[in-house]
């Protein structure tokens, strides 16, 4: 409900966070050359990540081969990091393409990675329209961010990565 009823910032969320200079505040946990990974601010579960291209496009078929390859590499890396750091028993991974498919942000493609545990759903969403997530976003971001190698883009003045080496790895 916080997202639905809350104030919306102008412009595209993914463009803003992709170009942002403060990964800590933006909950960005990893960056590649063409795509980046961030925590969902209104997660279904602890560790709910999204992977998006920097380029503003809402169509899967518009992704360039390099964007698609890096997006999937970041998905694979994210699943590995989540397995290592949060030990989920399974995952939901996928796109919501179009409003009727459940996309909250239709014009900027993004893929969701939702860690799952047996019994992770409960009565709270049904009875009180409330989700219970047992870990603060900042704590989850720190745990996940520490596991990703520091590669890819580094916006100038990025507080999350100051003093850390950034190298391009193939």
N, C-alpha and C. Protein backbone atom coordinates (compact mmCIF):
# COMPACT_ATOMS: atom_id res chain seq x y z
N UNK A 1 0.83 -1.19 0.00
CA UNK A 1 0.00 0.00 0.00
C UNK A 1 0.87 1.25 0.00
N UNK A 2 2.06 1.15 0.60
CA UNK A 2 2.96 2.30 0.61
C UNK A 2 3.30 2.75 -0.80
N UNK A 3 3.52 1.80 -1.69
CA UNK A 3 3.84 2.14 -3.07
C UNK A 3 2.62 2.70 -3.78
N UNK A 4 1.49 2.05 -3.60
CA UNK A 4 0.26 2.46 -4.30
C UNK A 4 -0.18 3.85 -3.86
N UNK A 5 -0.17 4.10 -2.57
CA UNK A 5 -0.67 5.37 -2.04
C UNK A 5 0.40 6.45 -1.88
N UNK A 6 1.66 6.07 -1.97
CA UNK A 6 2.75 7.02 -1.74
C UNK A 6 2.95 7.98 -2.89
N UNK A 7 3.70 9.04 -2.60
CA UNK A 7 4.04 10.02 -3.63
C UNK A 7 4.97 9.39 -4.65
N UNK A 8 4.76 9.69 -5.89
CA UNK A 8 5.59 9.17 -6.97
C UNK A 8 6.53 10.28 -7.45
N UNK A 9 7.81 9.91 -7.60
CA UNK A 9 8.77 10.86 -8.15
C UNK A 9 8.56 10.95 -9.66
N UNK A 10 8.91 12.09 -10.22
CA UNK A 10 8.80 12.27 -11.67
C UNK A 10 9.83 11.41 -12.38
N UNK A 11 9.49 11.01 -13.57
CA UNK A 11 10.43 10.26 -14.41
C UNK A 11 10.44 8.79 -14.08
N UNK A 12 11.30 8.08 -14.76
CA UNK A 12 11.40 6.64 -14.65
C UNK A 12 12.27 6.23 -13.47
N UNK A 13 11.74 5.39 -12.61
CA UNK A 13 12.46 4.89 -11.44
C UNK A 13 13.77 4.22 -11.84
N UNK A 14 13.74 3.38 -12.86
CA UNK A 14 14.94 2.64 -13.25
C UNK A 14 15.97 3.54 -13.92
N UNK A 15 15.53 4.52 -14.68
CA UNK A 15 16.48 5.48 -15.27
C UNK A 15 17.14 6.30 -14.16
N UNK A 16 16.35 6.72 -13.18
CA UNK A 16 16.87 7.51 -12.06
C UNK A 16 17.90 6.72 -11.26
N UNK A 17 17.55 5.50 -10.90
CA UNK A 17 18.45 4.69 -10.07
C UNK A 17 19.65 4.20 -10.88
N UNK A 18 19.45 3.93 -12.15
CA UNK A 18 20.56 3.52 -13.00
C UNK A 18 21.60 4.60 -13.16
N UNK A 19 21.16 5.86 -13.18
CA UNK A 19 22.07 6.99 -13.33
C UNK A 19 22.48 7.57 -11.98
N UNK A 20 21.93 7.05 -10.90
CA UNK A 20 22.18 7.60 -9.56
C UNK A 20 23.63 7.49 -9.13
N UNK A 21 23.99 8.36 -8.21
CA UNK A 21 25.36 8.40 -7.72
C UNK A 21 25.48 7.87 -6.29
N UNK A 22 24.36 7.43 -5.71
CA UNK A 22 24.39 6.92 -4.35
C UNK A 22 23.70 5.55 -4.30
N UNK A 23 24.49 4.50 -4.58
CA UNK A 23 23.93 3.16 -4.62
C UNK A 23 23.37 2.73 -3.27
N UNK A 24 23.92 3.24 -2.18
CA UNK A 24 23.39 2.90 -0.86
C UNK A 24 21.95 3.39 -0.72
N UNK A 25 21.72 4.65 -1.03
CA UNK A 25 20.37 5.23 -0.92
C UNK A 25 19.42 4.62 -1.94
N UNK A 26 19.94 4.27 -3.12
CA UNK A 26 19.11 3.72 -4.19
C UNK A 26 18.92 2.21 -4.09
N UNK A 27 19.58 1.57 -3.13
CA UNK A 27 19.52 0.12 -2.94
C UNK A 27 20.00 -0.66 -4.17
N UNK A 28 20.96 -0.08 -4.90
CA UNK A 28 21.59 -0.77 -6.02
C UNK A 28 22.67 -1.67 -5.43
N UNK A 29 22.65 -2.95 -5.80
CA UNK A 29 23.60 -3.89 -5.21
C UNK A 29 24.68 -4.35 -6.18
N UNK A 30 24.48 -4.17 -7.49
CA UNK A 30 25.49 -4.55 -8.47
C UNK A 30 25.26 -3.78 -9.76
N UNK A 31 26.34 -3.50 -10.48
CA UNK A 31 26.28 -2.79 -11.76
C UNK A 31 27.12 -3.51 -12.79
N UNK A 32 26.56 -3.61 -13.98
CA UNK A 32 27.31 -4.08 -15.13
C UNK A 32 27.50 -2.92 -16.08
N UNK A 33 27.96 -3.21 -17.27
CA UNK A 33 28.15 -2.17 -18.28
C UNK A 33 26.83 -1.73 -18.89
N UNK A 34 25.86 -2.65 -18.99
CA UNK A 34 24.59 -2.37 -19.67
C UNK A 34 23.37 -2.50 -18.77
N UNK A 35 23.51 -3.19 -17.64
CA UNK A 35 22.39 -3.47 -16.75
C UNK A 35 22.84 -3.36 -15.29
N UNK A 36 21.87 -3.30 -14.38
CA UNK A 36 22.18 -3.21 -12.96
C UNK A 36 21.16 -3.98 -12.14
N UNK A 37 21.51 -4.23 -10.87
CA UNK A 37 20.67 -5.00 -9.95
C UNK A 37 20.34 -4.13 -8.75
N UNK A 38 19.07 -4.11 -8.35
CA UNK A 38 18.67 -3.35 -7.17
C UNK A 38 17.62 -4.11 -6.39
N UNK A 39 17.51 -3.76 -5.12
CA UNK A 39 16.47 -4.34 -4.27
C UNK A 39 15.14 -3.69 -4.58
N UNK A 40 14.09 -4.47 -4.54
CA UNK A 40 12.74 -3.94 -4.66
C UNK A 40 12.39 -3.27 -3.34
N UNK A 41 11.95 -2.01 -3.38
CA UNK A 41 11.62 -1.28 -2.15
C UNK A 41 10.37 -1.81 -1.46
N UNK A 42 9.54 -2.53 -2.20
CA UNK A 42 8.33 -3.12 -1.64
C UNK A 42 8.35 -4.62 -1.97
N UNK A 43 9.25 -5.36 -1.29
CA UNK A 43 9.53 -6.75 -1.68
C UNK A 43 8.44 -7.73 -1.29
N UNK A 44 8.37 -8.80 -2.06
CA UNK A 44 7.51 -9.93 -1.70
C UNK A 44 8.17 -10.76 -0.62
N UNK A 45 9.51 -10.79 -0.62
CA UNK A 45 10.30 -11.53 0.36
C UNK A 45 11.63 -10.82 0.54
N UNK A 46 12.34 -11.15 1.61
CA UNK A 46 13.70 -10.63 1.80
C UNK A 46 14.55 -11.03 0.61
N UNK A 47 15.33 -10.10 0.10
CA UNK A 47 16.21 -10.38 -1.03
C UNK A 47 15.55 -10.25 -2.39
N UNK A 48 14.32 -9.73 -2.46
CA UNK A 48 13.63 -9.55 -3.74
C UNK A 48 14.41 -8.53 -4.57
N UNK A 49 15.03 -9.00 -5.64
CA UNK A 49 15.86 -8.16 -6.51
C UNK A 49 15.17 -7.91 -7.85
N UNK A 50 15.62 -6.85 -8.50
CA UNK A 50 15.20 -6.56 -9.87
C UNK A 50 16.45 -6.29 -10.69
N UNK A 51 16.46 -6.76 -11.92
CA UNK A 51 17.56 -6.53 -12.84
C UNK A 51 16.99 -5.76 -14.02
N UNK A 52 17.63 -4.64 -14.37
CA UNK A 52 17.11 -3.78 -15.44
C UNK A 52 18.26 -3.27 -16.30
N UNK A 53 17.99 -3.04 -17.59
CA UNK A 53 18.98 -2.38 -18.42
C UNK A 53 19.03 -0.89 -18.06
N UNK A 54 20.17 -0.26 -18.29
CA UNK A 54 20.24 1.20 -18.11
C UNK A 54 19.37 1.90 -19.15
N UNK A 55 19.35 1.34 -20.36
CA UNK A 55 18.60 1.95 -21.45
C UNK A 55 17.10 1.81 -21.20
N UNK A 56 16.39 2.88 -21.43
CA UNK A 56 14.95 2.94 -21.21
C UNK A 56 14.21 2.26 -22.36
N UNK A 57 13.71 1.05 -22.09
CA UNK A 57 12.88 0.36 -23.05
C UNK A 57 11.93 -0.56 -22.28
N UNK A 58 10.71 -0.68 -22.77
CA UNK A 58 9.73 -1.54 -22.14
C UNK A 58 9.51 -2.83 -22.91
N UNK A 59 10.26 -3.04 -23.98
CA UNK A 59 10.02 -4.20 -24.84
C UNK A 59 11.21 -5.16 -24.81
N UNK A 60 10.93 -6.38 -24.46
CA UNK A 60 11.96 -7.41 -24.43
C UNK A 60 12.63 -7.56 -25.80
N UNK A 61 11.81 -7.49 -26.84
CA UNK A 61 12.34 -7.66 -28.19
C UNK A 61 13.25 -6.51 -28.64
N UNK A 62 13.24 -5.40 -27.91
CA UNK A 62 14.11 -4.26 -28.24
C UNK A 62 15.49 -4.36 -27.60
N UNK A 63 15.69 -5.31 -26.68
CA UNK A 63 17.01 -5.44 -26.06
C UNK A 63 18.04 -5.87 -27.09
N UNK A 64 19.18 -5.24 -27.06
CA UNK A 64 20.29 -5.62 -27.93
C UNK A 64 20.90 -6.91 -27.38
N UNK A 65 21.55 -7.70 -28.22
CA UNK A 65 22.13 -8.97 -27.74
C UNK A 65 23.02 -8.81 -26.51
N UNK A 66 23.85 -7.76 -26.48
CA UNK A 66 24.73 -7.55 -25.33
C UNK A 66 23.96 -7.22 -24.06
N UNK A 67 22.87 -6.47 -24.20
CA UNK A 67 22.03 -6.15 -23.04
C UNK A 67 21.36 -7.41 -22.50
N UNK A 68 20.82 -8.21 -23.41
CA UNK A 68 20.14 -9.43 -23.00
C UNK A 68 21.11 -10.41 -22.33
N UNK A 69 22.30 -10.54 -22.90
CA UNK A 69 23.30 -11.44 -22.33
C UNK A 69 23.72 -10.97 -20.94
N UNK A 70 23.97 -9.67 -20.80
CA UNK A 70 24.39 -9.18 -19.48
C UNK A 70 23.26 -9.26 -18.46
N UNK A 71 22.04 -8.98 -18.90
CA UNK A 71 20.90 -9.09 -18.00
C UNK A 71 20.82 -10.50 -17.43
N UNK A 72 20.95 -11.51 -18.30
CA UNK A 72 20.86 -12.89 -17.84
C UNK A 72 22.08 -13.28 -17.01
N UNK A 73 23.25 -12.75 -17.33
CA UNK A 73 24.43 -13.00 -16.48
C UNK A 73 24.22 -12.44 -15.08
N UNK A 74 23.61 -11.24 -14.99
CA UNK A 74 23.33 -10.65 -13.68
C UNK A 74 22.25 -11.43 -12.94
N UNK A 75 21.29 -11.98 -13.66
CA UNK A 75 20.28 -12.83 -13.03
C UNK A 75 20.96 -14.06 -12.45
N UNK A 76 21.79 -14.70 -13.25
CA UNK A 76 22.50 -15.90 -12.78
C UNK A 76 23.37 -15.57 -11.57
N UNK A 77 24.11 -14.47 -11.64
CA UNK A 77 24.94 -14.07 -10.51
C UNK A 77 24.12 -13.74 -9.27
N UNK A 78 22.98 -13.08 -9.48
CA UNK A 78 22.10 -12.72 -8.36
C UNK A 78 21.55 -13.96 -7.66
N UNK A 79 21.12 -14.94 -8.45
CA UNK A 79 20.62 -16.18 -7.86
C UNK A 79 21.72 -16.84 -7.04
N UNK A 80 22.94 -16.86 -7.57
CA UNK A 80 24.06 -17.45 -6.84
C UNK A 80 24.35 -16.72 -5.54
N UNK A 81 24.34 -15.39 -5.58
CA UNK A 81 24.57 -14.60 -4.37
C UNK A 81 23.47 -14.85 -3.35
N UNK A 82 22.22 -14.85 -3.80
CA UNK A 82 21.11 -15.08 -2.88
C UNK A 82 21.18 -16.47 -2.26
N UNK A 83 21.54 -17.48 -3.06
CA UNK A 83 21.70 -18.84 -2.52
C UNK A 83 22.76 -18.85 -1.43
N UNK A 84 23.87 -18.18 -1.72
CA UNK A 84 25.00 -18.17 -0.79
C UNK A 84 24.69 -17.39 0.49
N UNK A 85 24.05 -16.23 0.35
CA UNK A 85 23.87 -15.33 1.50
C UNK A 85 22.57 -15.50 2.25
N UNK A 86 21.48 -15.91 1.57
CA UNK A 86 20.18 -16.01 2.25
C UNK A 86 19.64 -17.43 2.32
N UNK A 87 20.24 -18.36 1.58
CA UNK A 87 19.87 -19.77 1.58
C UNK A 87 18.39 -20.05 1.34
N UNK A 88 17.80 -19.45 0.29
CA UNK A 88 16.40 -19.78 -0.01
C UNK A 88 16.29 -21.21 -0.54
N UNK A 89 15.07 -21.73 -0.49
CA UNK A 89 14.82 -23.09 -0.97
C UNK A 89 14.38 -23.10 -2.44
N UNK A 90 14.07 -21.94 -2.99
CA UNK A 90 13.66 -21.83 -4.38
C UNK A 90 13.57 -20.37 -4.79
N UNK A 91 13.16 -20.13 -6.04
CA UNK A 91 13.07 -18.77 -6.58
C UNK A 91 11.88 -18.66 -7.53
N UNK A 92 11.31 -17.47 -7.59
CA UNK A 92 10.47 -17.06 -8.71
C UNK A 92 11.30 -16.05 -9.47
N UNK A 93 11.49 -16.27 -10.77
CA UNK A 93 12.29 -15.38 -11.61
C UNK A 93 11.48 -15.08 -12.86
N UNK A 94 11.28 -13.77 -13.15
CA UNK A 94 10.56 -13.48 -14.38
C UNK A 94 10.23 -12.03 -14.61
N UNK A 95 9.70 -11.79 -15.82
CA UNK A 95 9.25 -10.48 -16.26
C UNK A 95 7.74 -10.39 -16.14
N UNK A 96 7.23 -9.21 -15.86
CA UNK A 96 5.82 -8.88 -16.05
C UNK A 96 5.80 -7.90 -17.21
N UNK A 97 5.43 -8.37 -18.38
CA UNK A 97 5.48 -7.56 -19.59
C UNK A 97 4.08 -7.02 -19.89
N UNK A 98 3.89 -5.72 -19.67
CA UNK A 98 2.61 -5.07 -19.92
C UNK A 98 1.77 -4.96 -18.66
N UNK A 99 0.91 -3.97 -18.66
CA UNK A 99 0.07 -3.69 -17.49
C UNK A 99 -0.83 -4.87 -17.13
N UNK A 100 -1.43 -5.50 -18.14
CA UNK A 100 -2.33 -6.62 -17.86
C UNK A 100 -1.59 -7.83 -17.30
N UNK A 101 -0.26 -7.88 -17.49
CA UNK A 101 0.55 -8.97 -16.95
C UNK A 101 1.07 -8.65 -15.55
N UNK A 102 0.72 -7.48 -15.03
CA UNK A 102 1.11 -7.12 -13.67
C UNK A 102 2.28 -6.17 -13.56
N UNK A 103 2.75 -5.63 -14.69
CA UNK A 103 3.88 -4.69 -14.62
C UNK A 103 3.45 -3.40 -13.95
N UNK A 104 4.13 -3.04 -12.87
CA UNK A 104 3.87 -1.77 -12.19
C UNK A 104 4.53 -0.62 -12.94
N UNK A 105 5.66 -0.90 -13.57
CA UNK A 105 6.36 0.07 -14.41
C UNK A 105 6.45 -0.57 -15.79
N UNK A 106 5.63 -0.10 -16.70
CA UNK A 106 5.47 -0.73 -18.00
C UNK A 106 6.57 -0.31 -18.98
N UNK A 107 7.05 0.92 -18.89
CA UNK A 107 7.92 1.49 -19.92
C UNK A 107 9.41 1.20 -19.74
N UNK A 108 9.79 0.55 -18.64
CA UNK A 108 11.21 0.20 -18.45
C UNK A 108 11.27 -1.26 -17.99
N UNK A 109 11.71 -2.11 -18.90
CA UNK A 109 11.81 -3.54 -18.67
C UNK A 109 12.63 -3.84 -17.42
N UNK A 110 12.17 -4.78 -16.62
CA UNK A 110 12.94 -5.25 -15.47
C UNK A 110 12.50 -6.66 -15.11
N UNK A 111 13.42 -7.43 -14.62
CA UNK A 111 13.17 -8.82 -14.27
C UNK A 111 13.22 -8.95 -12.75
N UNK A 112 12.27 -9.68 -12.19
CA UNK A 112 12.20 -9.89 -10.75
C UNK A 112 12.85 -11.22 -10.37
N UNK A 113 13.57 -11.21 -9.25
CA UNK A 113 14.11 -12.42 -8.66
C UNK A 113 13.61 -12.44 -7.22
N UNK A 114 12.74 -13.39 -6.91
CA UNK A 114 12.14 -13.47 -5.58
C UNK A 114 12.57 -14.77 -4.91
N UNK A 115 13.41 -14.67 -3.86
CA UNK A 115 13.77 -15.88 -3.12
C UNK A 115 12.54 -16.43 -2.40
N UNK A 116 12.45 -17.77 -2.32
CA UNK A 116 11.29 -18.40 -1.67
C UNK A 116 11.75 -19.45 -0.66
N UNK A 117 10.98 -19.56 0.40
CA UNK A 117 11.19 -20.55 1.44
C UNK A 117 9.86 -21.25 1.69
N UNK A 118 9.91 -22.50 2.05
CA UNK A 118 8.69 -23.23 2.40
C UNK A 118 8.01 -22.49 3.55
N UNK A 119 6.73 -22.20 3.38
CA UNK A 119 5.98 -21.51 4.42
C UNK A 119 6.21 -20.01 4.48
N UNK A 120 6.78 -19.41 3.41
CA UNK A 120 7.06 -17.97 3.46
C UNK A 120 5.83 -17.10 3.25
N UNK A 121 4.71 -17.70 2.94
CA UNK A 121 3.47 -16.93 2.88
C UNK A 121 2.71 -17.17 4.17
N UNK A 122 1.96 -16.17 4.59
CA UNK A 122 1.22 -16.31 5.84
C UNK A 122 -0.11 -15.57 5.72
N UNK A 123 -0.81 -15.44 6.80
CA UNK A 123 -2.15 -14.85 6.81
C UNK A 123 -2.16 -13.32 6.77
N UNK A 124 -1.04 -12.66 7.02
CA UNK A 124 -1.02 -11.19 7.12
C UNK A 124 -1.52 -10.50 5.85
N UNK A 125 -1.07 -10.88 4.65
CA UNK A 125 -1.56 -10.19 3.45
C UNK A 125 -3.07 -10.36 3.26
N UNK A 126 -3.60 -11.50 3.66
CA UNK A 126 -5.02 -11.79 3.47
C UNK A 126 -5.87 -11.00 4.46
N UNK A 127 -5.48 -11.00 5.72
CA UNK A 127 -6.29 -10.37 6.76
C UNK A 127 -6.10 -8.87 6.90
N UNK A 128 -4.86 -8.41 6.71
CA UNK A 128 -4.61 -6.99 6.99
C UNK A 128 -3.93 -6.24 5.87
N UNK A 129 -3.83 -6.85 4.68
CA UNK A 129 -3.18 -6.22 3.53
C UNK A 129 -1.78 -5.74 3.90
N UNK A 130 -1.07 -6.56 4.68
CA UNK A 130 0.26 -6.23 5.17
C UNK A 130 1.22 -7.36 4.85
N UNK A 131 2.40 -7.01 4.36
CA UNK A 131 3.44 -8.00 4.13
C UNK A 131 4.45 -7.91 5.27
N UNK A 132 4.91 -9.06 5.73
CA UNK A 132 5.92 -9.11 6.77
C UNK A 132 7.22 -9.56 6.13
N UNK A 133 8.23 -8.70 6.15
CA UNK A 133 9.55 -9.02 5.62
C UNK A 133 10.51 -8.92 6.80
N UNK A 134 11.18 -10.02 7.16
CA UNK A 134 11.92 -10.07 8.42
C UNK A 134 13.26 -9.36 8.46
N UNK A 135 13.65 -8.70 7.38
CA UNK A 135 14.97 -8.07 7.37
C UNK A 135 14.87 -6.68 6.75
N UNK A 136 15.51 -5.70 7.36
CA UNK A 136 15.52 -4.33 6.84
C UNK A 136 16.21 -4.30 5.47
N UNK A 137 15.71 -3.46 4.56
CA UNK A 137 16.30 -3.36 3.22
C UNK A 137 17.78 -3.04 3.26
N UNK A 138 18.18 -2.13 4.14
CA UNK A 138 19.58 -1.73 4.22
C UNK A 138 20.46 -2.92 4.60
N UNK A 139 19.98 -3.76 5.51
CA UNK A 139 20.75 -4.95 5.92
C UNK A 139 20.84 -5.94 4.78
N UNK A 140 19.72 -6.17 4.09
CA UNK A 140 19.72 -7.09 2.96
C UNK A 140 20.64 -6.56 1.86
N UNK A 141 20.58 -5.26 1.57
CA UNK A 141 21.44 -4.66 0.53
C UNK A 141 22.91 -4.86 0.87
N UNK A 142 23.28 -4.64 2.12
CA UNK A 142 24.69 -4.78 2.53
C UNK A 142 25.16 -6.22 2.34
N UNK A 143 24.35 -7.16 2.78
CA UNK A 143 24.71 -8.58 2.67
C UNK A 143 24.89 -8.98 1.20
N UNK A 144 23.98 -8.55 0.34
CA UNK A 144 24.04 -8.91 -1.07
C UNK A 144 25.17 -8.15 -1.77
N UNK A 145 25.29 -6.86 -1.51
CA UNK A 145 26.30 -6.03 -2.17
C UNK A 145 27.71 -6.56 -1.90
N UNK A 146 27.96 -7.02 -0.68
CA UNK A 146 29.29 -7.53 -0.32
C UNK A 146 29.67 -8.76 -1.13
N UNK A 147 28.69 -9.50 -1.61
CA UNK A 147 28.95 -10.74 -2.33
C UNK A 147 29.19 -10.53 -3.82
N UNK A 148 28.78 -9.40 -4.37
CA UNK A 148 28.98 -9.13 -5.79
C UNK A 148 30.37 -8.56 -6.02
N UNK A 149 31.04 -8.99 -7.10
CA UNK A 149 32.31 -8.36 -7.43
C UNK A 149 32.07 -6.93 -7.88
N UNK A 150 33.01 -6.07 -7.64
CA UNK A 150 32.90 -4.66 -8.03
C UNK A 150 33.33 -4.51 -9.49
N UNK A 151 32.37 -4.70 -10.38
CA UNK A 151 32.64 -4.57 -11.81
C UNK A 151 31.62 -3.65 -12.43
N UNK A 152 31.89 -3.21 -13.63
CA UNK A 152 30.89 -2.44 -14.37
C UNK A 152 31.00 -0.95 -14.16
N UNK A 153 29.90 -0.26 -14.38
CA UNK A 153 29.84 1.19 -14.30
C UNK A 153 30.03 1.67 -12.87
N UNK A 154 30.65 2.79 -12.75
CA UNK A 154 30.78 3.45 -11.45
C UNK A 154 30.42 4.91 -11.63
N UNK A 155 29.18 5.29 -11.29
CA UNK A 155 28.85 6.71 -11.37
C UNK A 155 29.79 7.50 -10.47
N UNK A 156 30.24 8.63 -10.95
CA UNK A 156 31.17 9.46 -10.18
C UNK A 156 30.56 9.83 -8.83
N UNK A 157 31.34 9.69 -7.78
CA UNK A 157 30.88 10.06 -6.45
C UNK A 157 29.95 9.04 -5.82
N UNK A 158 30.00 7.79 -6.25
CA UNK A 158 29.11 6.76 -5.73
C UNK A 158 29.54 6.36 -4.33
N UNK A 159 28.71 6.67 -3.34
CA UNK A 159 29.04 6.41 -1.94
C UNK A 159 29.19 4.93 -1.62
N UNK A 160 28.50 4.08 -2.35
CA UNK A 160 28.55 2.65 -2.05
C UNK A 160 29.87 2.04 -2.48
N UNK A 161 30.60 2.70 -3.38
CA UNK A 161 31.78 2.07 -3.94
C UNK A 161 33.03 2.93 -3.84
N UNK A 162 32.98 4.04 -3.14
CA UNK A 162 34.15 4.90 -3.02
C UNK A 162 35.30 4.12 -2.40
N UNK A 163 36.47 4.25 -3.02
CA UNK A 163 37.65 3.59 -2.50
C UNK A 163 37.76 2.12 -2.85
N UNK A 164 36.75 1.58 -3.57
CA UNK A 164 36.80 0.18 -3.97
C UNK A 164 37.14 0.12 -5.45
N UNK A 165 37.96 -0.84 -5.82
CA UNK A 165 38.34 -0.93 -7.24
C UNK A 165 37.17 -1.40 -8.10
N UNK A 166 37.07 -0.79 -9.26
CA UNK A 166 36.11 -1.22 -10.27
C UNK A 166 36.92 -1.67 -11.45
N UNK A 167 36.71 -2.89 -11.89
CA UNK A 167 37.40 -3.38 -13.06
C UNK A 167 36.39 -4.02 -13.97
N UNK A 168 36.64 -3.98 -15.24
CA UNK A 168 35.76 -4.64 -16.20
C UNK A 168 36.23 -6.07 -16.33
N UNK A 169 35.36 -7.00 -16.02
CA UNK A 169 35.67 -8.42 -16.18
C UNK A 169 34.82 -8.97 -17.32
N UNK A 170 35.37 -9.86 -18.13
CA UNK A 170 34.57 -10.44 -19.19
C UNK A 170 33.98 -11.75 -18.77
